[in-house]
Amino acid sequence: MSVQNPPRPPHAPAAPSGALPGAKRALWLKQLHQWHWISSAICLMAMLLFSITGFTLNHAAQIESKPQVTRLSGTVPPALLPELQAYAERHADAEAPVPARLAEWANGAFPVDIRARNAEWSEEDGYVALPRPGGDAWLRISVNGEAEYEKTDRGWISWLNDMHKGRNTGAVWSWFIDIFAIACIVFCLTGFLILKYHAANRPSTWPVIGFGIVLPIVLALLFVH
């Protein structure tokens, strides 16, 4: 007895020939959405920071700040003077690390950590530059034992602006800026591709994208000299 396949129910339509490409399109769009939200989550806080500081940098002349300057002085212990004088003479007109015992004394006498930091040496003194975000500082140690420390604080807006520019922020923050920049590129490109997929149902997509591309170019050509 032969076995025949049951007839297809009249309400079950046949699979369309374009089902596989449509499934690939849906999978690709799902991946774009996933990368888009992951990159946006990574960028969220940094994007807010860089947007706010972009505004404050653009209006730096209108945002007043009153720098606060702190000056301190001290005297090198007599026991360290022979080592300091010999070291300054040996490294005159050159950069060299601050001697360990002298650095330990300075760390206790002033609110600084100059261990492993280089100083500019002359026969008269050693000068340690201590740049920092939102301000500046320096320490000068004379071979006669006099030490001077000065710190300038320009406020939290200046600190944020320097963080935006990566000024005197160190290697770790520089790496963070690089990672943030890559995440922003992923965020923008995936957003563009998602817009491309939905453009057929949103007629205003391409005019708005074109406006966003052309506007900064036109402004730069006409008003930036």
N, C-alpha and C. Protein backbone atom coordinates (compact mmCIF):
# COMPACT_ATOMS: atom_id res chain seq x y z
N MET A 1 0.85 -1.20 0.00
CA MET A 1 0.00 0.00 0.00
C MET A 1 0.88 1.24 0.00
N SER A 2 0.67 2.13 -0.90
CA SER A 2 1.51 3.32 -1.01
C SER A 2 1.06 4.38 -0.01
N VAL A 3 2.05 5.08 0.53
CA VAL A 3 1.77 6.14 1.50
C VAL A 3 1.93 7.48 0.82
N GLN A 4 0.93 8.28 0.88
CA GLN A 4 0.96 9.58 0.24
C GLN A 4 1.10 10.67 1.31
N ASN A 5 1.83 11.72 0.92
CA ASN A 5 1.97 12.87 1.81
C ASN A 5 0.62 13.54 2.01
N PRO A 6 0.32 13.96 3.23
CA PRO A 6 -0.97 14.64 3.46
C PRO A 6 -1.03 15.93 2.69
N PRO A 7 -2.19 16.27 2.22
CA PRO A 7 -2.31 17.53 1.46
C PRO A 7 -2.04 18.74 2.35
N ARG A 8 -1.48 19.77 1.75
CA ARG A 8 -1.20 21.01 2.49
C ARG A 8 -2.52 21.68 2.84
N PRO A 9 -2.66 22.10 4.11
CA PRO A 9 -3.91 22.80 4.47
C PRO A 9 -4.08 24.05 3.63
N PRO A 10 -5.30 24.34 3.30
CA PRO A 10 -5.53 25.50 2.42
C PRO A 10 -5.09 26.82 3.05
N HIS A 11 -5.01 26.89 4.42
CA HIS A 11 -4.67 28.16 5.06
C HIS A 11 -3.18 28.32 5.27
N ALA A 12 -2.36 27.32 4.92
CA ALA A 12 -0.91 27.40 5.13
C ALA A 12 -0.25 27.84 3.85
N PRO A 13 0.20 29.11 3.73
CA PRO A 13 0.81 29.57 2.47
C PRO A 13 2.19 28.97 2.29
N ALA A 14 2.59 28.86 1.07
CA ALA A 14 3.93 28.33 0.76
C ALA A 14 4.97 29.37 1.16
N ALA A 15 6.18 28.86 1.55
CA ALA A 15 7.26 29.76 1.96
C ALA A 15 7.71 30.60 0.78
N PRO A 16 7.81 31.92 0.95
CA PRO A 16 8.23 32.77 -0.17
C PRO A 16 9.67 32.50 -0.54
N SER A 17 9.97 32.73 -1.81
CA SER A 17 11.32 32.44 -2.29
C SER A 17 12.35 33.36 -1.65
N GLY A 18 11.96 34.56 -1.18
CA GLY A 18 12.90 35.51 -0.59
C GLY A 18 13.00 35.40 0.91
N ALA A 19 12.53 34.27 1.51
CA ALA A 19 12.53 34.16 2.97
C ALA A 19 13.94 34.17 3.53
N LEU A 20 14.88 33.48 2.90
CA LEU A 20 16.24 33.40 3.42
C LEU A 20 16.95 34.75 3.41
N PRO A 21 16.93 35.50 2.30
CA PRO A 21 17.52 36.84 2.35
C PRO A 21 16.87 37.72 3.41
N GLY A 22 15.55 37.59 3.57
CA GLY A 22 14.87 38.37 4.59
C GLY A 22 15.34 38.00 5.99
N ALA A 23 15.59 36.71 6.23
CA ALA A 23 16.09 36.27 7.53
C ALA A 23 17.49 36.81 7.78
N LYS A 24 18.33 36.80 6.75
CA LYS A 24 19.67 37.37 6.89
C LYS A 24 19.61 38.86 7.19
N ARG A 25 18.69 39.54 6.51
CA ARG A 25 18.55 40.98 6.75
C ARG A 25 18.13 41.24 8.19
N ALA A 26 17.18 40.45 8.70
CA ALA A 26 16.72 40.63 10.08
C ALA A 26 17.85 40.35 11.07
N LEU A 27 18.66 39.31 10.78
CA LEU A 27 19.78 38.98 11.67
C LEU A 27 20.82 40.09 11.67
N TRP A 28 21.13 40.62 10.48
CA TRP A 28 22.10 41.70 10.37
C TRP A 28 21.60 42.96 11.08
N LEU A 29 20.31 43.26 10.93
CA LEU A 29 19.75 44.42 11.60
C LEU A 29 19.76 44.25 13.12
N LYS A 30 19.53 43.02 13.58
CA LYS A 30 19.59 42.74 15.01
C LYS A 30 21.00 42.97 15.54
N GLN A 31 22.00 42.53 14.78
CA GLN A 31 23.39 42.74 15.19
C GLN A 31 23.73 44.23 15.23
N LEU A 32 23.24 44.99 14.26
CA LEU A 32 23.48 46.43 14.25
C LEU A 32 22.88 47.09 15.49
N HIS A 33 21.65 46.70 15.82
CA HIS A 33 21.01 47.27 17.01
C HIS A 33 21.80 46.92 18.27
N GLN A 34 22.32 45.70 18.34
CA GLN A 34 23.07 45.29 19.52
C GLN A 34 24.36 46.10 19.66
N TRP A 35 25.11 46.23 18.56
CA TRP A 35 26.34 47.03 18.61
C TRP A 35 26.04 48.50 18.88
N HIS A 36 24.90 48.96 18.38
CA HIS A 36 24.53 50.36 18.57
C HIS A 36 24.25 50.65 20.04
N TRP A 37 23.49 49.79 20.70
CA TRP A 37 23.16 50.08 22.10
C TRP A 37 24.36 49.83 23.02
N ILE A 38 25.22 48.86 22.68
CA ILE A 38 26.41 48.63 23.50
C ILE A 38 27.35 49.83 23.41
N SER A 39 27.59 50.31 22.19
CA SER A 39 28.48 51.46 22.03
C SER A 39 27.88 52.71 22.67
N SER A 40 26.55 52.86 22.60
CA SER A 40 25.93 54.03 23.23
C SER A 40 26.03 53.96 24.74
N ALA A 41 25.94 52.75 25.31
CA ALA A 41 26.09 52.60 26.76
C ALA A 41 27.51 52.95 27.20
N ILE A 42 28.51 52.54 26.40
CA ILE A 42 29.90 52.86 26.72
C ILE A 42 30.13 54.36 26.62
N CYS A 43 29.49 54.99 25.63
CA CYS A 43 29.72 56.42 25.37
C CYS A 43 28.92 57.35 26.26
N LEU A 44 27.88 56.83 26.94
CA LEU A 44 26.90 57.70 27.58
C LEU A 44 27.52 58.77 28.46
N MET A 45 28.24 58.36 29.51
CA MET A 45 28.77 59.34 30.46
C MET A 45 29.84 60.22 29.82
N ALA A 46 30.71 59.59 29.04
CA ALA A 46 31.78 60.37 28.41
C ALA A 46 31.20 61.34 27.39
N MET A 47 30.15 60.94 26.68
CA MET A 47 29.53 61.84 25.71
C MET A 47 28.94 63.06 26.39
N LEU A 48 28.31 62.87 27.55
CA LEU A 48 27.79 64.00 28.30
C LEU A 48 28.94 64.91 28.75
N LEU A 49 30.02 64.30 29.26
CA LEU A 49 31.17 65.08 29.72
C LEU A 49 31.76 65.90 28.58
N PHE A 50 32.00 65.26 27.44
CA PHE A 50 32.65 65.94 26.33
C PHE A 50 31.71 66.96 25.67
N SER A 51 30.41 66.73 25.74
CA SER A 51 29.47 67.72 25.20
C SER A 51 29.44 68.97 26.08
N ILE A 52 29.39 68.78 27.40
CA ILE A 52 29.37 69.92 28.32
C ILE A 52 30.67 70.71 28.23
N THR A 53 31.79 69.99 28.22
CA THR A 53 33.08 70.69 28.15
C THR A 53 33.32 71.28 26.77
N GLY A 54 32.71 70.73 25.73
CA GLY A 54 32.78 71.38 24.43
C GLY A 54 32.12 72.76 24.48
N PHE A 55 31.00 72.86 25.21
CA PHE A 55 30.33 74.17 25.37
C PHE A 55 31.19 75.11 26.21
N THR A 56 31.74 74.62 27.33
CA THR A 56 32.54 75.50 28.19
C THR A 56 33.83 75.94 27.50
N LEU A 57 34.42 75.06 26.69
CA LEU A 57 35.61 75.46 25.94
C LEU A 57 35.28 76.51 24.89
N ASN A 58 34.12 76.36 24.25
CA ASN A 58 33.71 77.32 23.23
C ASN A 58 33.42 78.70 23.81
N HIS A 59 33.10 78.73 25.12
CA HIS A 59 32.78 80.01 25.79
C HIS A 59 33.76 80.28 26.92
N ALA A 60 35.01 79.85 26.73
CA ALA A 60 36.00 80.01 27.80
C ALA A 60 36.22 81.47 28.16
N ALA A 61 36.14 82.37 27.17
CA ALA A 61 36.37 83.79 27.44
C ALA A 61 35.25 84.39 28.27
N GLN A 62 34.02 83.85 28.18
CA GLN A 62 32.89 84.39 28.93
C GLN A 62 32.75 83.77 30.32
N ILE A 63 33.40 82.65 30.54
CA ILE A 63 33.30 81.98 31.84
C ILE A 63 34.48 82.42 32.70
N GLU A 64 34.22 83.25 33.67
CA GLU A 64 35.29 83.79 34.50
C GLU A 64 35.73 82.77 35.55
N SER A 65 37.00 82.78 35.84
CA SER A 65 37.54 81.93 36.90
C SER A 65 38.62 82.72 37.64
N LYS A 66 38.66 82.55 38.93
CA LYS A 66 39.64 83.22 39.77
C LYS A 66 40.62 82.17 40.31
N PRO A 67 41.80 82.12 39.74
CA PRO A 67 42.77 81.11 40.20
C PRO A 67 43.11 81.32 41.67
N GLN A 68 43.22 80.20 42.38
CA GLN A 68 43.66 80.22 43.76
C GLN A 68 45.11 79.73 43.82
N VAL A 69 45.97 80.55 44.36
CA VAL A 69 47.41 80.25 44.41
C VAL A 69 47.81 79.94 45.84
N THR A 70 48.49 78.81 46.01
CA THR A 70 49.01 78.39 47.31
C THR A 70 50.53 78.39 47.24
N ARG A 71 51.16 79.08 48.18
CA ARG A 71 52.61 79.14 48.23
C ARG A 71 53.10 78.63 49.58
N LEU A 72 54.08 77.75 49.55
CA LEU A 72 54.67 77.20 50.76
C LEU A 72 56.19 77.25 50.63
N SER A 73 56.84 77.29 51.76
CA SER A 73 58.31 77.29 51.76
C SER A 73 58.81 76.35 52.85
N GLY A 74 60.05 75.92 52.70
CA GLY A 74 60.65 75.02 53.67
C GLY A 74 62.15 75.08 53.59
N THR A 75 62.79 74.34 54.47
CA THR A 75 64.26 74.31 54.52
C THR A 75 64.73 72.86 54.50
N VAL A 76 65.64 72.57 53.60
CA VAL A 76 66.19 71.22 53.49
C VAL A 76 67.03 70.92 54.74
N PRO A 77 66.89 69.75 55.34
CA PRO A 77 67.71 69.40 56.51
C PRO A 77 69.20 69.49 56.19
N PRO A 78 70.01 70.00 57.11
CA PRO A 78 71.45 70.15 56.85
C PRO A 78 72.12 68.85 56.43
N ALA A 79 71.62 67.71 56.92
CA ALA A 79 72.25 66.43 56.58
C ALA A 79 72.14 66.10 55.10
N LEU A 80 71.15 66.69 54.42
CA LEU A 80 70.94 66.39 53.00
C LEU A 80 71.65 67.38 52.08
N LEU A 81 72.17 68.47 52.63
CA LEU A 81 72.76 69.51 51.79
C LEU A 81 73.98 69.05 50.99
N PRO A 82 74.93 68.32 51.60
CA PRO A 82 76.08 67.88 50.80
C PRO A 82 75.67 67.02 49.59
N GLU A 83 74.71 66.12 49.81
CA GLU A 83 74.24 65.28 48.70
C GLU A 83 73.55 66.13 47.65
N LEU A 84 72.72 67.09 48.06
CA LEU A 84 72.01 67.97 47.14
C LEU A 84 72.99 68.80 46.31
N GLN A 85 74.00 69.37 46.96
CA GLN A 85 74.96 70.22 46.25
C GLN A 85 75.79 69.42 45.25
N ALA A 86 76.24 68.23 45.65
CA ALA A 86 77.02 67.40 44.74
C ALA A 86 76.17 66.93 43.57
N TYR A 87 74.91 66.59 43.84
CA TYR A 87 74.02 66.10 42.78
C TYR A 87 73.72 67.22 41.78
N ALA A 88 73.46 68.44 42.29
CA ALA A 88 73.18 69.57 41.40
C ALA A 88 74.38 69.90 40.53
N GLU A 89 75.58 69.83 41.10
CA GLU A 89 76.78 70.12 40.31
C GLU A 89 77.02 69.05 39.26
N ARG A 90 76.72 67.80 39.61
CA ARG A 90 76.97 66.70 38.66
C ARG A 90 75.97 66.71 37.51
N HIS A 91 74.75 67.18 37.75
CA HIS A 91 73.69 67.14 36.71
C HIS A 91 73.33 68.54 36.23
N ALA A 92 74.24 69.49 36.36
CA ALA A 92 73.94 70.86 35.95
C ALA A 92 73.58 70.93 34.48
N ASP A 93 72.55 71.74 34.14
CA ASP A 93 72.07 71.93 32.77
C ASP A 93 71.55 70.63 32.15
N ALA A 94 70.93 69.81 32.98
CA ALA A 94 70.37 68.55 32.48
C ALA A 94 69.14 68.19 33.33
N GLU A 95 68.41 67.18 32.84
CA GLU A 95 67.28 66.65 33.60
C GLU A 95 67.68 65.34 34.24
N ALA A 96 67.30 65.17 35.50
CA ALA A 96 67.62 63.94 36.23
C ALA A 96 66.62 63.78 37.36
N PRO A 97 66.37 62.54 37.79
CA PRO A 97 65.42 62.33 38.89
C PRO A 97 65.90 62.98 40.18
N VAL A 98 64.94 63.31 41.01
CA VAL A 98 65.26 63.87 42.32
C VAL A 98 65.84 62.75 43.19
N PRO A 99 66.93 62.98 43.89
CA PRO A 99 67.50 61.93 44.76
C PRO A 99 66.46 61.40 45.74
N ALA A 100 66.54 60.12 46.03
CA ALA A 100 65.50 59.45 46.82
C ALA A 100 65.30 60.09 48.18
N ARG A 101 66.38 60.35 48.93
CA ARG A 101 66.24 60.91 50.28
C ARG A 101 65.66 62.32 50.23
N LEU A 102 66.06 63.09 49.21
CA LEU A 102 65.52 64.44 49.05
C LEU A 102 64.04 64.39 48.68
N ALA A 103 63.67 63.45 47.85
CA ALA A 103 62.27 63.30 47.47
C ALA A 103 61.41 62.91 48.66
N GLU A 104 61.92 62.01 49.51
CA GLU A 104 61.18 61.63 50.70
C GLU A 104 60.96 62.83 51.62
N TRP A 105 61.99 63.66 51.77
CA TRP A 105 61.81 64.85 52.61
C TRP A 105 60.78 65.79 52.00
N ALA A 106 60.85 66.04 50.68
CA ALA A 106 59.91 66.94 50.01
C ALA A 106 58.47 66.42 50.12
N ASN A 107 58.29 65.10 50.02
CA ASN A 107 56.95 64.53 50.12
C ASN A 107 56.33 64.78 51.49
N GLY A 108 57.18 64.86 52.52
CA GLY A 108 56.67 65.15 53.85
C GLY A 108 56.49 66.63 54.12
N ALA A 109 57.31 67.46 53.47
CA ALA A 109 57.26 68.90 53.73
C ALA A 109 56.20 69.61 52.89
N PHE A 110 55.86 69.06 51.71
CA PHE A 110 54.91 69.70 50.80
C PHE A 110 53.87 68.68 50.34
N PRO A 111 52.69 69.14 49.89
CA PRO A 111 51.65 68.22 49.40
C PRO A 111 51.93 67.75 47.98
N VAL A 112 53.07 67.08 47.79
CA VAL A 112 53.46 66.60 46.46
C VAL A 112 54.07 65.21 46.61
N ASP A 113 54.16 64.53 45.49
CA ASP A 113 54.89 63.27 45.42
C ASP A 113 55.83 63.38 44.22
N ILE A 114 57.11 63.62 44.50
CA ILE A 114 58.07 63.84 43.41
C ILE A 114 59.00 62.65 43.23
N ARG A 115 58.65 61.52 43.85
CA ARG A 115 59.47 60.34 43.64
C ARG A 115 59.39 59.91 42.17
N ALA A 116 60.55 59.60 41.61
CA ALA A 116 60.68 59.18 40.20
C ALA A 116 60.36 60.30 39.22
N ARG A 117 60.22 61.52 39.71
CA ARG A 117 60.02 62.65 38.80
C ARG A 117 61.35 63.29 38.45
N ASN A 118 61.46 63.79 37.23
CA ASN A 118 62.67 64.47 36.80
C ASN A 118 62.63 65.94 37.22
N ALA A 119 63.80 66.48 37.46
CA ALA A 119 63.95 67.89 37.76
C ALA A 119 64.94 68.49 36.77
N GLU A 120 64.77 69.79 36.51
CA GLU A 120 65.73 70.54 35.69
C GLU A 120 66.79 71.10 36.64
N TRP A 121 68.03 70.64 36.46
CA TRP A 121 69.08 70.97 37.42
C TRP A 121 70.02 72.04 36.88
N SER A 122 70.44 72.89 37.78
CA SER A 122 71.53 73.84 37.52
C SER A 122 72.45 73.78 38.73
N GLU A 123 73.52 74.53 38.70
CA GLU A 123 74.42 74.54 39.83
C GLU A 123 73.81 75.23 41.05
N GLU A 124 72.72 75.99 40.85
CA GLU A 124 72.09 76.71 41.95
C GLU A 124 70.89 75.98 42.53
N ASP A 125 70.15 75.23 41.70
CA ASP A 125 68.92 74.62 42.23
C ASP A 125 68.43 73.50 41.32
N GLY A 126 67.36 72.86 41.78
CA GLY A 126 66.62 71.89 41.00
C GLY A 126 65.16 72.33 40.92
N TYR A 127 64.60 72.28 39.70
CA TYR A 127 63.23 72.75 39.48
C TYR A 127 62.38 71.58 39.00
N VAL A 128 61.30 71.29 39.73
CA VAL A 128 60.40 70.19 39.39
C VAL A 128 59.08 70.78 38.91
N ALA A 129 58.74 70.58 37.65
CA ALA A 129 57.45 71.01 37.11
C ALA A 129 56.38 69.99 37.47
N LEU A 130 55.25 70.47 37.96
CA LEU A 130 54.16 69.58 38.40
C LEU A 130 52.85 69.98 37.73
N PRO A 131 52.78 69.90 36.39
CA PRO A 131 51.54 70.27 35.70
C PRO A 131 50.41 69.31 36.07
N ARG A 132 49.19 69.83 36.07
CA ARG A 132 48.03 69.03 36.46
C ARG A 132 46.81 69.58 35.75
N PRO A 133 45.74 68.76 35.57
CA PRO A 133 44.52 69.29 34.98
C PRO A 133 43.92 70.39 35.85
N GLY A 134 43.49 71.47 35.23
CA GLY A 134 42.85 72.54 35.96
C GLY A 134 43.78 73.43 36.75
N GLY A 135 45.06 73.34 36.51
CA GLY A 135 45.99 74.17 37.26
C GLY A 135 47.43 73.85 36.95
N ASP A 136 48.30 74.26 37.84
CA ASP A 136 49.73 74.06 37.65
C ASP A 136 50.39 74.06 39.02
N ALA A 137 51.62 73.55 39.07
CA ALA A 137 52.37 73.57 40.32
C ALA A 137 53.85 73.37 39.99
N TRP A 138 54.70 73.80 40.92
CA TRP A 138 56.14 73.58 40.75
C TRP A 138 56.81 73.60 42.12
N LEU A 139 57.98 73.01 42.15
CA LEU A 139 58.79 72.95 43.36
C LEU A 139 60.23 73.27 42.99
N ARG A 140 60.82 74.23 43.68
CA ARG A 140 62.21 74.60 43.45
C ARG A 140 63.00 74.37 44.75
N ILE A 141 64.10 73.66 44.63
CA ILE A 141 64.96 73.37 45.78
C ILE A 141 66.34 73.94 45.49
N SER A 142 66.74 74.91 46.28
CA SER A 142 68.04 75.56 46.08
C SER A 142 69.13 74.78 46.82
N VAL A 143 70.36 74.88 46.30
CA VAL A 143 71.47 74.16 46.92
C VAL A 143 71.82 74.74 48.29
N ASN A 144 71.34 75.96 48.59
CA ASN A 144 71.59 76.51 49.93
C ASN A 144 70.56 76.06 50.95
N GLY A 145 69.61 75.21 50.51
CA GLY A 145 68.65 74.63 51.44
C GLY A 145 67.26 75.23 51.40
N GLU A 146 67.07 76.31 50.67
CA GLU A 146 65.74 76.92 50.58
C GLU A 146 64.88 76.18 49.55
N ALA A 147 63.64 75.93 49.94
CA ALA A 147 62.70 75.23 49.06
C ALA A 147 61.42 76.04 48.94
N GLU A 148 60.89 76.14 47.72
CA GLU A 148 59.65 76.87 47.45
C GLU A 148 58.70 75.97 46.67
N TYR A 149 57.43 76.06 47.06
CA TYR A 149 56.39 75.29 46.38
C TYR A 149 55.24 76.23 46.05
N GLU A 150 54.72 76.12 44.81
CA GLU A 150 53.57 76.93 44.41
C GLU A 150 52.59 76.08 43.64
N LYS A 151 51.32 76.24 43.98
CA LYS A 151 50.24 75.50 43.31
C LYS A 151 49.15 76.47 42.89
N THR A 152 48.72 76.36 41.63
CA THR A 152 47.66 77.21 41.10
C THR A 152 46.47 76.34 40.74
N ASP A 153 45.31 76.67 41.29
CA ASP A 153 44.06 75.93 41.03
C ASP A 153 43.10 76.87 40.32
N ARG A 154 42.71 76.53 39.07
CA ARG A 154 41.84 77.40 38.28
C ARG A 154 40.37 76.99 38.34
N GLY A 155 40.02 76.03 39.18
CA GLY A 155 38.62 75.67 39.36
C GLY A 155 38.22 74.42 38.60
N TRP A 156 37.01 73.95 38.92
CA TRP A 156 36.56 72.67 38.37
C TRP A 156 36.22 72.76 36.88
N ILE A 157 35.79 73.95 36.40
CA ILE A 157 35.50 74.07 34.96
C ILE A 157 36.79 73.93 34.17
N SER A 158 37.85 74.56 34.64
CA SER A 158 39.15 74.42 33.99
C SER A 158 39.63 72.97 34.06
N TRP A 159 39.34 72.31 35.19
CA TRP A 159 39.72 70.89 35.33
C TRP A 159 39.00 70.05 34.28
N LEU A 160 37.69 70.27 34.12
CA LEU A 160 36.93 69.52 33.12
C LEU A 160 37.42 69.82 31.71
N ASN A 161 37.73 71.09 31.44
CA ASN A 161 38.24 71.44 30.11
C ASN A 161 39.55 70.72 29.80
N ASP A 162 40.43 70.66 30.78
CA ASP A 162 41.70 69.96 30.57
C ASP A 162 41.49 68.46 30.42
N MET A 163 40.50 67.90 31.11
CA MET A 163 40.18 66.49 30.92
C MET A 163 39.68 66.25 29.50
N HIS A 164 38.90 67.21 28.98
CA HIS A 164 38.42 67.12 27.59
C HIS A 164 39.59 67.07 26.62
N LYS A 165 40.60 67.91 26.85
CA LYS A 165 41.75 68.00 25.95
C LYS A 165 42.82 66.96 26.24
N GLY A 166 42.70 66.23 27.36
CA GLY A 166 43.74 65.28 27.74
C GLY A 166 45.02 65.97 28.17
N ARG A 167 44.91 67.18 28.71
CA ARG A 167 46.08 67.97 29.10
C ARG A 167 46.58 67.53 30.48
N ASN A 168 47.79 67.03 30.52
CA ASN A 168 48.43 66.63 31.78
C ASN A 168 47.58 65.63 32.56
N THR A 169 46.96 64.69 31.85
CA THR A 169 46.06 63.73 32.50
C THR A 169 46.66 62.35 32.66
N GLY A 170 47.80 62.08 32.05
CA GLY A 170 48.43 60.78 32.20
C GLY A 170 48.01 59.78 31.14
N ALA A 171 48.69 58.63 31.14
CA ALA A 171 48.49 57.64 30.09
C ALA A 171 47.13 56.95 30.17
N VAL A 172 46.65 56.67 31.37
CA VAL A 172 45.39 55.92 31.51
C VAL A 172 44.22 56.72 30.93
N TRP A 173 44.14 58.01 31.24
CA TRP A 173 43.06 58.83 30.68
C TRP A 173 43.21 58.96 29.17
N SER A 174 44.43 59.00 28.68
CA SER A 174 44.66 59.05 27.24
C SER A 174 44.13 57.79 26.57
N TRP A 175 44.34 56.64 27.20
CA TRP A 175 43.79 55.38 26.66
C TRP A 175 42.27 55.43 26.67
N PHE A 176 41.70 55.97 27.74
CA PHE A 176 40.24 56.06 27.82
C PHE A 176 39.69 56.91 26.68
N ILE A 177 40.34 58.03 26.37
CA ILE A 177 39.88 58.88 25.28
C ILE A 177 39.93 58.12 23.96
N ASP A 178 40.97 57.33 23.74
CA ASP A 178 41.07 56.53 22.52
C ASP A 178 39.93 55.51 22.43
N ILE A 179 39.66 54.82 23.55
CA ILE A 179 38.57 53.83 23.57
C ILE A 179 37.23 54.51 23.34
N PHE A 180 37.03 55.66 23.98
CA PHE A 180 35.79 56.42 23.81
C PHE A 180 35.61 56.85 22.36
N ALA A 181 36.70 57.29 21.71
CA ALA A 181 36.62 57.72 20.32
C ALA A 181 36.21 56.55 19.41
N ILE A 182 36.79 55.37 19.66
CA ILE A 182 36.42 54.19 18.86
C ILE A 182 34.96 53.83 19.08
N ALA A 183 34.50 53.88 20.34
CA ALA A 183 33.11 53.57 20.64
C ALA A 183 32.17 54.56 19.95
N CYS A 184 32.56 55.83 19.88
CA CYS A 184 31.74 56.83 19.19
C CYS A 184 31.65 56.54 17.69
N ILE A 185 32.77 56.09 17.11
CA ILE A 185 32.76 55.74 15.68
C ILE A 185 31.80 54.57 15.43
N VAL A 186 31.87 53.55 16.29
CA VAL A 186 30.95 52.41 16.17
C VAL A 186 29.50 52.87 16.32
N PHE A 187 29.26 53.74 17.30
CA PHE A 187 27.91 54.25 17.55
C PHE A 187 27.37 54.99 16.33
N CYS A 188 28.19 55.85 15.73
CA CYS A 188 27.74 56.63 14.57
C CYS A 188 27.52 55.75 13.34
N LEU A 189 28.46 54.84 13.07
CA LEU A 189 28.34 54.00 11.88
C LEU A 189 27.15 53.05 11.98
N THR A 190 26.95 52.42 13.14
CA THR A 190 25.80 51.52 13.29
C THR A 190 24.50 52.30 13.22
N GLY A 191 24.50 53.52 13.78
CA GLY A 191 23.29 54.35 13.66
C GLY A 191 22.99 54.69 12.22
N PHE A 192 24.03 55.00 11.44
CA PHE A 192 23.84 55.32 10.03
C PHE A 192 23.27 54.11 9.27
N LEU A 193 23.82 52.92 9.54
CA LEU A 193 23.34 51.73 8.84
C LEU A 193 21.91 51.38 9.24
N ILE A 194 21.57 51.59 10.51
CA ILE A 194 20.19 51.35 10.94
C ILE A 194 19.25 52.32 10.22
N LEU A 195 19.66 53.59 10.11
CA LEU A 195 18.86 54.55 9.36
C LEU A 195 18.68 54.12 7.91
N LYS A 196 19.76 53.59 7.33
CA LYS A 196 19.70 53.13 5.94
C LYS A 196 18.66 52.03 5.77
N TYR A 197 18.60 51.09 6.73
CA TYR A 197 17.64 49.99 6.63
C TYR A 197 16.19 50.49 6.75
N HIS A 198 15.98 51.55 7.52
CA HIS A 198 14.62 52.05 7.73
C HIS A 198 14.27 53.22 6.81
N ALA A 199 15.20 53.61 5.93
CA ALA A 199 14.99 54.79 5.11
C ALA A 199 13.79 54.64 4.17
N ALA A 200 13.50 53.42 3.73
CA ALA A 200 12.40 53.22 2.78
C ALA A 200 11.07 53.64 3.40
N ASN A 201 10.92 53.46 4.71
CA ASN A 201 9.67 53.81 5.39
C ASN A 201 9.71 55.19 6.04
N ARG A 202 10.84 55.88 5.92
CA ARG A 202 10.99 57.20 6.52
C ARG A 202 11.59 58.13 5.47
N PRO A 203 10.76 58.78 4.67
CA PRO A 203 11.26 59.58 3.55
C PRO A 203 12.19 60.72 3.96
N SER A 204 12.08 61.19 5.19
CA SER A 204 12.91 62.32 5.61
C SER A 204 14.32 61.92 6.01
N THR A 205 14.62 60.61 6.01
CA THR A 205 15.92 60.14 6.50
C THR A 205 17.07 60.75 5.73
N TRP A 206 17.09 60.60 4.42
CA TRP A 206 18.24 61.06 3.65
C TRP A 206 18.37 62.57 3.60
N PRO A 207 17.27 63.34 3.49
CA PRO A 207 17.43 64.80 3.57
C PRO A 207 18.03 65.26 4.90
N VAL A 208 17.60 64.64 6.02
CA VAL A 208 18.14 65.04 7.32
C VAL A 208 19.62 64.67 7.42
N ILE A 209 19.98 63.46 6.96
CA ILE A 209 21.38 63.05 6.98
C ILE A 209 22.21 63.98 6.11
N GLY A 210 21.71 64.28 4.92
CA GLY A 210 22.44 65.19 4.03
C GLY A 210 22.63 66.56 4.65
N PHE A 211 21.59 67.06 5.33
CA PHE A 211 21.69 68.36 5.99
C PHE A 211 22.76 68.32 7.09
N GLY A 212 22.79 67.24 7.86
CA GLY A 212 23.78 67.11 8.92
C GLY A 212 25.20 67.02 8.40
N ILE A 213 25.37 66.50 7.18
CA ILE A 213 26.71 66.42 6.59
C ILE A 213 27.12 67.74 5.96
N VAL A 214 26.19 68.37 5.25
CA VAL A 214 26.52 69.58 4.49
C VAL A 214 26.66 70.80 5.39
N LEU A 215 25.84 70.91 6.45
CA LEU A 215 25.82 72.11 7.28
C LEU A 215 27.20 72.48 7.84
N PRO A 216 27.92 71.57 8.54
CA PRO A 216 29.24 71.98 9.07
C PRO A 216 30.24 72.33 7.98
N ILE A 217 30.13 71.67 6.82
CA ILE A 217 31.04 71.98 5.72
C ILE A 217 30.80 73.40 5.21
N VAL A 218 29.52 73.74 5.02
CA VAL A 218 29.17 75.08 4.53
C VAL A 218 29.59 76.15 5.54
N LEU A 219 29.32 75.92 6.84
CA LEU A 219 29.68 76.88 7.86
C LEU A 219 31.19 77.08 7.92
N ALA A 220 31.95 75.97 7.79
CA ALA A 220 33.40 76.08 7.84
C ALA A 220 33.94 76.86 6.64
N LEU A 221 33.36 76.62 5.45
CA LEU A 221 33.84 77.31 4.25
C LEU A 221 33.47 78.78 4.24
N LEU A 222 32.30 79.12 4.78
CA LEU A 222 31.83 80.50 4.70
C LEU A 222 32.28 81.37 5.86
N PHE A 223 32.38 80.80 7.06
CA PHE A 223 32.56 81.64 8.25
C PHE A 223 33.85 81.38 9.01
N VAL A 224 34.60 80.35 8.65
CA VAL A 224 35.86 80.08 9.36
C VAL A 224 37.01 80.51 8.47
N HIS A 225 37.81 81.44 8.93
CA HIS A 225 38.93 81.96 8.11
C HIS A 225 40.21 81.89 8.93
